[in-house]
Amino acid sequence: MTKQPSYRFAGYTEPWEEKKLGDFSDVTKLAGFEFTNHVKYSSTGSIIALRGLNIKNGNIILNDVKYIDESDFSKLHRSKLIINDIMFTYVGTVGELAIIEDNNKFYLAPNVSRIRILNDTYPYFLMQYMWRKSFYQSVIFPLIATSSQPALSMENIRKFNISLPSLPEQTAIGSFFQDIDQLISLQQRKLEVLKEQKKTYLKLLFPAKGQTKPALRFAGFEDDWKEVKLGDFVEISKGIQRNKEFLSPNADNKNCYPVYNGGKQESGYTDEFNREGNIMISEGGASAGFVNYFDGKYWSGGHNFTIDELENNIHYVLALLESQQQELYSLQVGSGLPNIQLNSLKKVIIAFPDFQEQEAIGSFFQDLDKAIAKQEEKVKNLKESKQTLLRKMFI
């Protein structure tokens, strides 16, 4: 029986044909000797060597780049990238993909392969096909599962089985997902703008170190802020350890309360709670000092500090601590598993205004946090919808 996707655009009924990736594309990489002998990195220029860290979540990320303008390009013909080339990471974080959208700008760097389509295949269809979780789990993961340093050979990649419909159907599917990706990118950019706005306001609405007034204030407030130790301003307590073997990895009818035990996310779920609606500060681990907040019932673990019996505006205190996030990180001690000592945390100097100004600042950041959470939910839902469609529209 011929396999069919669950969802198809109207008018397409032909069976999909299975081919090896190497049958319809050229797969190559930058050889070690080419990199050693002919590539010269620099911090400025116009020609970029695309490394593994530049390929993430279907996009080319150019926050950290190496330029190769002074390299010997006469020996680097096969690593020159052109429009519609697909980048595929094959060492370390295997399986990241992105499509080249510019000529004369990028060359291959180590650990990234280039897939160049030769005939009758739409690039965005192929990228979405290889980007599916099911493709990674069934094709890529078995090839790297037993290796301490995950890696694929070019021959491994050329032998990938790919199911292809007709070119018109590929184009319809690829264009459809291209539109979805553009929508996700738009909403992601809106989210990043909101987060950057919050970072800016955290700097402006709280006094700089050594100052008694912030750079930006709401109308009607002029008095100097007072400085106190954090431990004199709020109550800080440590949670109670609940070991992982007693936790559920997912929420269910019984284990419905998240457990915060250091780190930036919940570490599992349990059937009891010991805190509700608190500000938290991670006590141990690489993220010791991280400020968090959960507006609900949860279990505070042994590597988690909570702000208790708070008499001040909770959203003001949350923003205040977030504005001093880097200082809290700097309290880490210990070379193995970093941690923060309670006494050190209590001695952190903070500034606070009168209660009315606290209310104004707290309300402002509460609204901003709600807008961020709403935008995060929108991005999350779009990504989940895309994953559902990827499962339904491919074989």
Protein backbone atom coordinates (compact mmCIF):
# COMPACT_ATOMS: atom_id res chain seq x y z
CA MET A 1 0.00 0.00 0.00
CA THR A 2 1.37 3.42 -1.01
CA LYS A 3 1.95 5.77 1.89
CA GLN A 4 0.01 9.03 1.85
CA PRO A 5 0.29 12.06 4.17
CA SER A 6 -2.75 12.73 6.37
CA TYR A 7 -3.23 16.23 4.93
CA ARG A 8 -2.78 17.13 1.25
CA PHE A 9 -3.57 20.21 -0.78
CA ALA A 10 -6.48 19.74 -3.18
CA GLY A 11 -5.63 18.28 -6.55
CA TYR A 12 -2.60 16.21 -5.50
CA THR A 13 -3.12 12.45 -5.51
CA GLU A 14 0.09 10.99 -6.97
CA PRO A 15 2.13 8.69 -4.72
CA TRP A 16 5.34 9.99 -3.14
CA GLU A 17 8.61 8.47 -4.34
CA GLU A 18 11.41 7.49 -1.97
CA LYS A 19 14.94 8.49 -3.00
CA LYS A 20 18.37 8.76 -1.43
CA LEU A 21 19.36 12.36 -0.71
CA GLY A 22 22.54 11.86 -2.72
CA ASP A 23 20.51 10.86 -5.80
CA PHE A 24 19.17 14.37 -6.31
CA SER A 25 21.61 16.62 -4.46
CA ASP A 26 25.32 17.27 -4.01
CA VAL A 27 26.43 16.90 -0.38
CA THR A 28 29.84 18.16 0.67
CA LYS A 29 31.82 19.82 3.47
CA LEU A 30 34.96 21.89 3.99
CA ALA A 31 37.81 19.40 4.25
CA GLY A 32 40.27 19.70 7.11
CA PHE A 33 43.23 20.41 4.83
CA GLU A 34 41.25 23.13 3.04
CA PHE A 35 40.51 24.85 6.31
CA THR A 36 44.08 24.54 7.59
CA ASN A 37 45.82 25.61 4.39
CA HIS A 38 43.48 28.09 2.74
CA VAL A 39 41.13 29.68 5.32
CA LYS A 40 42.16 32.69 7.39
CA TYR A 41 39.77 34.01 10.02
CA SER A 42 39.49 37.70 10.91
CA SER A 43 37.17 39.81 13.05
CA THR A 44 36.18 42.18 10.23
CA GLY A 45 35.27 41.83 6.58
CA SER A 46 32.33 41.00 4.33
CA ILE A 47 32.64 37.24 3.59
CA ILE A 48 31.39 35.05 6.45
CA ALA A 49 32.37 31.47 7.27
CA LEU A 50 29.20 29.76 8.47
CA ARG A 51 29.98 27.68 11.56
CA GLY A 52 27.70 25.35 13.49
CA LEU A 53 26.78 28.04 16.01
CA ASN A 54 25.48 30.18 13.13
CA ILE A 55 22.87 27.56 12.17
CA LYS A 56 19.98 27.32 14.63
CA ASN A 57 16.22 26.72 14.53
CA GLY A 58 16.04 27.01 10.76
CA ASN A 59 17.81 30.36 10.68
CA ILE A 60 21.26 31.79 10.05
CA ILE A 61 22.33 33.55 13.26
CA LEU A 62 25.00 36.20 12.78
CA ASN A 63 25.60 37.34 16.37
CA ASP A 64 29.06 35.72 16.45
CA VAL A 65 30.79 35.50 13.06
CA LYS A 66 34.22 34.91 11.58
CA TYR A 67 35.20 36.68 8.36
CA ILE A 68 37.47 35.08 5.76
CA ASP A 69 38.12 37.93 3.30
CA GLU A 70 41.88 37.23 3.37
CA SER A 71 41.53 33.52 2.53
CA ASP A 72 42.66 31.84 -0.70
CA PHE A 73 39.30 31.62 -2.47
CA SER A 74 40.83 29.99 -5.55
CA LYS A 75 41.12 26.80 -3.46
CA LEU A 76 37.67 27.03 -1.86
CA HIS A 77 35.33 26.61 -4.84
CA ARG A 78 33.19 23.85 -3.37
CA SER A 79 32.67 25.64 -0.06
CA LYS A 80 31.25 28.77 -1.69
CA LEU A 81 27.54 29.00 -0.87
CA ILE A 82 24.79 30.18 -3.20
CA ILE A 83 21.08 30.89 -2.92
CA ASN A 84 18.99 27.80 -2.00
CA ASP A 85 21.94 25.81 -0.62
CA ILE A 86 20.84 24.01 2.54
CA MET A 87 23.16 24.06 5.56
CA PHE A 88 23.17 20.93 7.74
CA THR A 89 25.26 20.58 10.92
CA TYR A 90 26.90 17.15 11.12
CA VAL A 91 29.14 17.34 14.25
CA GLY A 92 28.18 18.12 17.84
CA THR A 93 24.64 19.49 17.61
CA VAL A 94 23.66 17.37 14.61
CA GLY A 95 20.67 18.21 12.42
CA GLU A 96 20.37 22.00 12.55
CA LEU A 97 19.30 23.39 9.16
CA ALA A 98 19.07 26.71 7.33
CA ILE A 99 18.78 27.93 3.74
CA ILE A 100 21.13 30.39 2.07
CA GLU A 101 19.28 33.46 0.75
CA ASP A 102 22.25 35.53 -0.50
CA ASN A 103 24.98 34.99 -3.10
CA ASN A 104 28.62 36.00 -2.60
CA LYS A 105 28.32 36.32 1.17
CA PHE A 106 28.88 32.92 2.82
CA TYR A 107 31.35 30.03 2.74
CA LEU A 108 31.37 26.73 4.59
CA ALA A 109 33.24 26.40 7.88
CA PRO A 110 34.06 23.12 9.67
CA ASN A 111 31.20 20.99 11.09
CA VAL A 112 28.62 22.28 8.60
CA SER A 113 27.74 20.43 5.39
CA ARG A 114 26.23 21.88 2.25
CA ILE A 115 23.30 20.24 0.44
CA ARG A 116 22.87 21.61 -3.08
CA ILE A 117 19.80 20.37 -4.95
CA LEU A 118 20.49 19.22 -8.52
CA ASN A 119 17.01 18.63 -9.95
CA ASP A 120 13.26 18.57 -9.37
CA THR A 121 13.26 19.35 -5.66
CA TYR A 122 12.04 22.49 -3.91
CA PRO A 123 14.63 23.59 -1.29
CA TYR A 124 12.14 24.69 1.38
CA PHE A 125 10.27 21.40 1.06
CA LEU A 126 13.48 19.44 1.64
CA MET A 127 14.51 21.57 4.61
CA GLN A 128 11.13 21.15 6.31
CA TYR A 129 11.21 17.41 5.57
CA MET A 130 14.59 17.03 7.28
CA TRP A 131 13.68 19.40 10.13
CA ARG A 132 10.85 17.22 11.46
CA LYS A 133 11.26 15.61 14.86
CA SER A 134 10.26 12.24 13.39
CA PHE A 135 13.06 12.50 10.80
CA TYR A 136 15.61 13.22 13.51
CA GLN A 137 14.36 10.36 15.69
CA SER A 138 14.09 7.74 12.95
CA VAL A 139 16.99 8.68 10.64
CA ILE A 140 19.58 10.87 12.39
CA PHE A 141 19.49 9.72 16.01
CA PRO A 142 20.18 6.00 15.31
CA LEU A 143 23.38 7.03 13.51
CA ILE A 144 24.76 9.08 16.41
CA ALA A 145 23.20 7.46 19.49
CA THR A 146 26.25 5.40 20.49
CA SER A 147 28.89 8.08 19.91
CA SER A 148 30.37 10.23 22.68
CA GLN A 149 30.93 12.95 20.04
CA PRO A 150 27.87 12.91 17.75
CA ALA A 151 28.91 13.12 14.09
CA LEU A 152 27.76 12.03 10.64
CA SER A 153 29.86 11.31 7.58
CA MET A 154 28.95 12.79 4.22
CA GLU A 155 28.11 9.26 3.09
CA ASN A 156 25.66 8.92 5.99
CA ILE A 157 23.93 12.10 4.86
CA ARG A 158 23.86 11.09 1.19
CA LYS A 159 22.08 7.84 2.14
CA PHE A 160 19.20 9.59 3.94
CA ASN A 161 15.87 8.26 2.60
CA ILE A 162 13.66 11.12 1.43
CA SER A 163 10.04 10.73 0.26
CA LEU A 164 9.24 13.18 -2.52
CA PRO A 165 5.92 14.14 -4.12
CA SER A 166 5.73 15.89 -7.49
CA LEU A 167 7.59 19.19 -7.79
CA PRO A 168 4.34 21.24 -7.84
CA GLU A 169 3.21 19.60 -4.59
CA GLN A 170 6.66 20.11 -3.06
CA THR A 171 6.44 23.79 -3.99
CA ALA A 172 2.97 24.13 -2.47
CA ILE A 173 4.06 22.48 0.79
CA GLY A 174 7.39 24.29 0.97
CA SER A 175 5.83 27.69 0.31
CA PHE A 176 3.14 27.01 2.91
CA PHE A 177 5.73 26.30 5.61
CA GLN A 178 7.85 29.21 4.45
CA ASP A 179 4.87 31.48 5.19
CA ILE A 180 4.42 29.87 8.61
CA ASP A 181 8.10 30.38 9.41
CA GLN A 182 7.87 34.03 8.43
CA LEU A 183 4.86 34.45 10.74
CA ILE A 184 6.72 32.76 13.61
CA SER A 185 9.75 34.98 12.96
CA LEU A 186 7.54 38.09 13.02
CA GLN A 187 5.97 37.11 16.34
CA GLN A 188 9.38 36.13 17.74
CA ARG A 189 10.75 39.56 16.83
CA LYS A 190 7.80 41.20 18.61
CA LEU A 191 8.64 39.11 21.68
CA GLU A 192 12.29 40.13 21.56
CA VAL A 193 11.27 43.81 21.31
CA LEU A 194 9.15 43.45 24.46
CA LYS A 195 12.01 41.74 26.31
CA GLU A 196 14.46 44.45 25.24
CA GLN A 197 12.00 47.12 26.38
CA LYS A 198 11.85 45.46 29.78
CA LYS A 199 15.66 45.38 30.03
CA THR A 200 15.77 49.08 29.24
CA TYR A 201 13.10 50.00 31.80
CA LEU A 202 14.80 47.88 34.46
CA LYS A 203 17.83 50.13 34.02
CA LEU A 204 15.91 53.41 33.87
CA LEU A 205 13.29 52.94 36.60
CA PHE A 206 15.75 51.87 39.31
CA PRO A 207 18.68 53.97 40.58
CA ALA A 208 22.15 53.17 39.27
CA LYS A 209 24.66 51.98 41.87
CA GLY A 210 25.52 54.86 44.22
CA GLN A 211 22.49 56.94 43.13
CA THR A 212 19.40 57.77 45.17
CA LYS A 213 17.07 58.52 42.27
CA PRO A 214 16.32 56.64 39.02
CA ALA A 215 16.95 58.20 35.60
CA LEU A 216 13.26 57.90 34.70
CA ARG A 217 10.33 58.47 37.07
CA PHE A 218 6.57 58.57 36.91
CA ALA A 219 5.02 62.02 37.33
CA GLY A 220 4.58 63.24 40.89
CA PHE A 221 7.49 61.39 42.51
CA GLU A 222 10.60 63.33 43.49
CA ASP A 223 11.85 62.06 46.88
CA ASP A 224 15.16 60.25 47.25
CA TRP A 225 15.08 56.47 47.56
CA LYS A 226 16.31 54.76 50.71
CA GLU A 227 19.01 52.10 50.76
CA VAL A 228 18.71 48.99 52.94
CA LYS A 229 20.01 45.44 53.04
CA LEU A 230 17.76 42.95 51.24
CA GLY A 231 17.43 40.90 54.45
CA ASP A 232 16.04 43.97 56.28
CA PHE A 233 13.53 44.61 53.50
CA VAL A 234 12.06 41.11 52.94
CA GLU A 235 11.95 37.68 54.59
CA ILE A 236 14.05 35.04 52.79
CA SER A 237 13.69 31.31 53.46
CA LYS A 238 15.06 28.12 51.97
CA GLY A 239 12.81 25.35 50.66
CA ILE A 240 12.65 21.66 51.60
CA GLN A 241 14.39 19.08 49.45
CA ARG A 242 12.25 16.64 47.49
CA ASN A 243 14.37 14.09 45.60
CA LYS A 244 13.88 13.48 41.87
CA GLU A 245 12.87 9.84 42.27
CA PHE A 246 9.68 11.06 43.97
CA LEU A 247 8.81 13.51 41.19
CA SER A 248 6.79 13.08 38.03
CA PRO A 249 8.41 14.51 34.86
CA ASN A 250 5.02 15.79 33.68
CA ALA A 251 1.96 17.22 35.38
CA ASP A 252 -0.96 14.82 35.87
CA ASN A 253 -4.12 14.60 38.00
CA LYS A 254 -2.13 13.61 41.10
CA ASN A 255 1.20 15.36 40.60
CA CYS A 256 -0.03 18.79 39.61
CA TYR A 257 2.30 21.09 41.56
CA PRO A 258 5.60 22.18 39.93
CA VAL A 259 8.81 21.74 41.93
CA TYR A 260 11.38 24.53 41.85
CA ASN A 261 14.75 23.39 43.13
CA GLY A 262 17.28 25.78 41.65
CA GLY A 263 17.66 26.21 37.92
CA LYS A 264 15.47 28.33 35.68
CA GLN A 265 12.63 25.86 35.13
CA GLU A 266 10.62 23.45 37.22
CA SER A 267 12.45 20.18 37.90
CA GLY A 268 9.31 18.04 37.96
CA TYR A 269 5.88 17.78 39.55
CA THR A 270 4.61 16.49 42.89
CA ASP A 271 1.37 15.97 44.81
CA GLU A 272 2.02 18.58 47.52
CA PHE A 273 2.84 22.27 47.72
CA ASN A 274 4.59 24.36 50.36
CA ARG A 275 4.49 27.82 48.75
CA GLU A 276 2.07 29.92 46.72
CA GLY A 277 2.67 33.02 44.58
CA ASN A 278 6.25 33.75 45.58
CA ILE A 279 9.36 35.36 44.18
CA MET A 280 12.19 32.81 44.04
CA ILE A 281 15.97 33.00 43.83
CA SER A 282 17.91 29.92 42.76
CA GLU A 283 20.29 28.76 45.52
CA GLY A 284 22.46 26.24 43.70
CA GLY A 285 23.80 25.21 40.31
CA ALA A 286 25.03 27.15 37.28
CA SER A 287 22.03 29.48 37.51
CA ALA A 288 22.42 30.22 41.25
CA GLY A 289 21.04 33.73 41.77
CA PHE A 290 18.42 33.52 39.03
CA VAL A 291 15.26 35.46 39.92
CA ASN A 292 11.96 33.77 39.14
CA TYR A 293 8.27 34.08 40.01
CA PHE A 294 5.41 31.59 40.02
CA ASP A 295 1.87 32.84 40.50
CA GLY A 296 0.37 29.67 41.92
CA LYS A 297 0.92 26.74 44.28
CA TYR A 298 4.28 24.95 44.02
CA TRP A 299 6.91 23.05 46.00
CA SER A 300 10.02 25.03 46.93
CA GLY A 301 12.99 22.64 47.06
CA GLY A 302 16.20 22.65 49.06
CA HIS A 303 18.12 24.61 46.42
CA ASN A 304 15.55 27.37 46.20
CA PHE A 305 15.14 30.60 48.18
CA THR A 306 11.72 32.25 48.47
CA ILE A 307 10.70 35.78 49.43
CA ASP A 308 8.11 35.34 52.19
CA GLU A 309 5.77 37.56 54.27
CA LEU A 310 6.20 40.40 51.82
CA GLU A 311 4.71 43.72 52.96
CA ASN A 312 5.75 45.61 49.82
CA ASN A 313 4.31 45.42 46.30
CA ILE A 314 5.37 41.97 45.03
CA HIS A 315 5.71 43.08 41.40
CA TYR A 316 7.89 45.98 42.48
CA VAL A 317 10.17 43.65 44.46
CA LEU A 318 10.31 41.19 41.53
CA ALA A 319 11.39 43.95 39.12
CA LEU A 320 13.83 45.33 41.71
CA LEU A 321 15.56 41.95 42.02
CA GLU A 322 15.54 41.45 38.24
CA SER A 323 17.24 44.83 37.87
CA GLN A 324 20.05 43.48 40.08
CA GLN A 325 20.24 40.07 38.38
CA GLN A 326 23.95 40.30 37.53
CA GLU A 327 24.84 41.27 41.09
CA LEU A 328 22.94 38.25 42.39
CA TYR A 329 24.81 35.96 39.98
CA SER A 330 28.09 37.42 41.30
CA LEU A 331 27.30 36.02 44.76
CA GLN A 332 28.03 32.48 43.54
CA VAL A 333 30.69 30.58 45.50
CA GLY A 334 32.12 27.07 45.12
CA SER A 335 34.12 25.60 42.25
CA GLY A 336 32.16 22.38 41.79
CA LEU A 337 28.46 23.13 42.16
CA PRO A 338 28.08 26.92 42.58
CA ASN A 339 25.74 28.12 45.28
CA ILE A 340 24.66 31.29 47.06
CA GLN A 341 24.90 31.66 50.82
CA LEU A 342 21.81 33.01 52.59
CA ASN A 343 23.86 35.51 54.61
CA SER A 344 25.41 36.93 51.43
CA LEU A 345 21.98 37.28 49.85
CA LYS A 346 20.62 39.12 52.88
CA LYS A 347 23.50 41.64 52.70
CA VAL A 348 22.74 42.77 49.12
CA ILE A 349 22.07 46.53 49.13
CA ILE A 350 18.80 47.58 47.50
CA ALA A 351 17.02 50.91 47.07
CA PHE A 352 13.32 51.53 47.47
CA PRO A 353 10.96 54.53 47.24
CA ASP A 354 7.75 55.22 49.13
CA PHE A 355 4.91 52.72 48.79
CA GLN A 356 2.97 54.76 46.20
CA GLU A 357 5.94 54.82 43.81
CA GLN A 358 6.49 51.11 44.44
CA GLU A 359 2.86 50.55 43.41
CA ALA A 360 3.31 52.56 40.21
CA ILE A 361 6.52 50.75 39.22
CA GLY A 362 5.13 47.34 40.21
CA SER A 363 1.96 47.87 38.17
CA PHE A 364 4.01 48.97 35.15
CA PHE A 365 6.19 45.86 35.19
CA GLN A 366 3.22 43.60 35.92
CA ASP A 367 1.55 44.85 32.73
CA LEU A 368 4.79 44.45 30.78
CA ASP A 369 5.28 40.90 32.09
CA LYS A 370 1.70 40.05 31.07
CA ALA A 371 2.36 41.35 27.55
CA ILE A 372 5.56 39.26 27.36
CA ALA A 373 3.77 36.14 28.63
CA LYS A 374 0.95 36.65 26.10
CA GLN A 375 3.46 37.01 23.25
CA GLU A 376 5.41 33.95 24.45
CA GLU A 377 2.18 31.96 24.40
CA LYS A 378 1.45 33.15 20.86
CA VAL A 379 4.90 32.04 19.65
CA LYS A 380 4.57 28.72 21.48
CA ASN A 381 1.16 28.01 19.92
CA LEU A 382 2.42 28.82 16.42
CA LYS A 383 5.39 26.48 16.85
CA GLU A 384 3.14 23.71 18.17
CA SER A 385 0.74 24.18 15.24
CA LYS A 386 3.66 23.94 12.85
CA GLN A 387 4.85 20.69 14.45
CA THR A 388 1.36 19.23 14.08
CA LEU A 389 1.27 20.19 10.41
CA LEU A 390 4.76 18.76 9.84
CA ARG A 391 3.51 15.42 11.18
CA LYS A 392 0.36 15.50 9.06
CA MET A 393 1.71 16.82 5.73
CA PHE A 394 4.78 14.62 5.30
CA ILE A 395 5.37 10.89 5.06
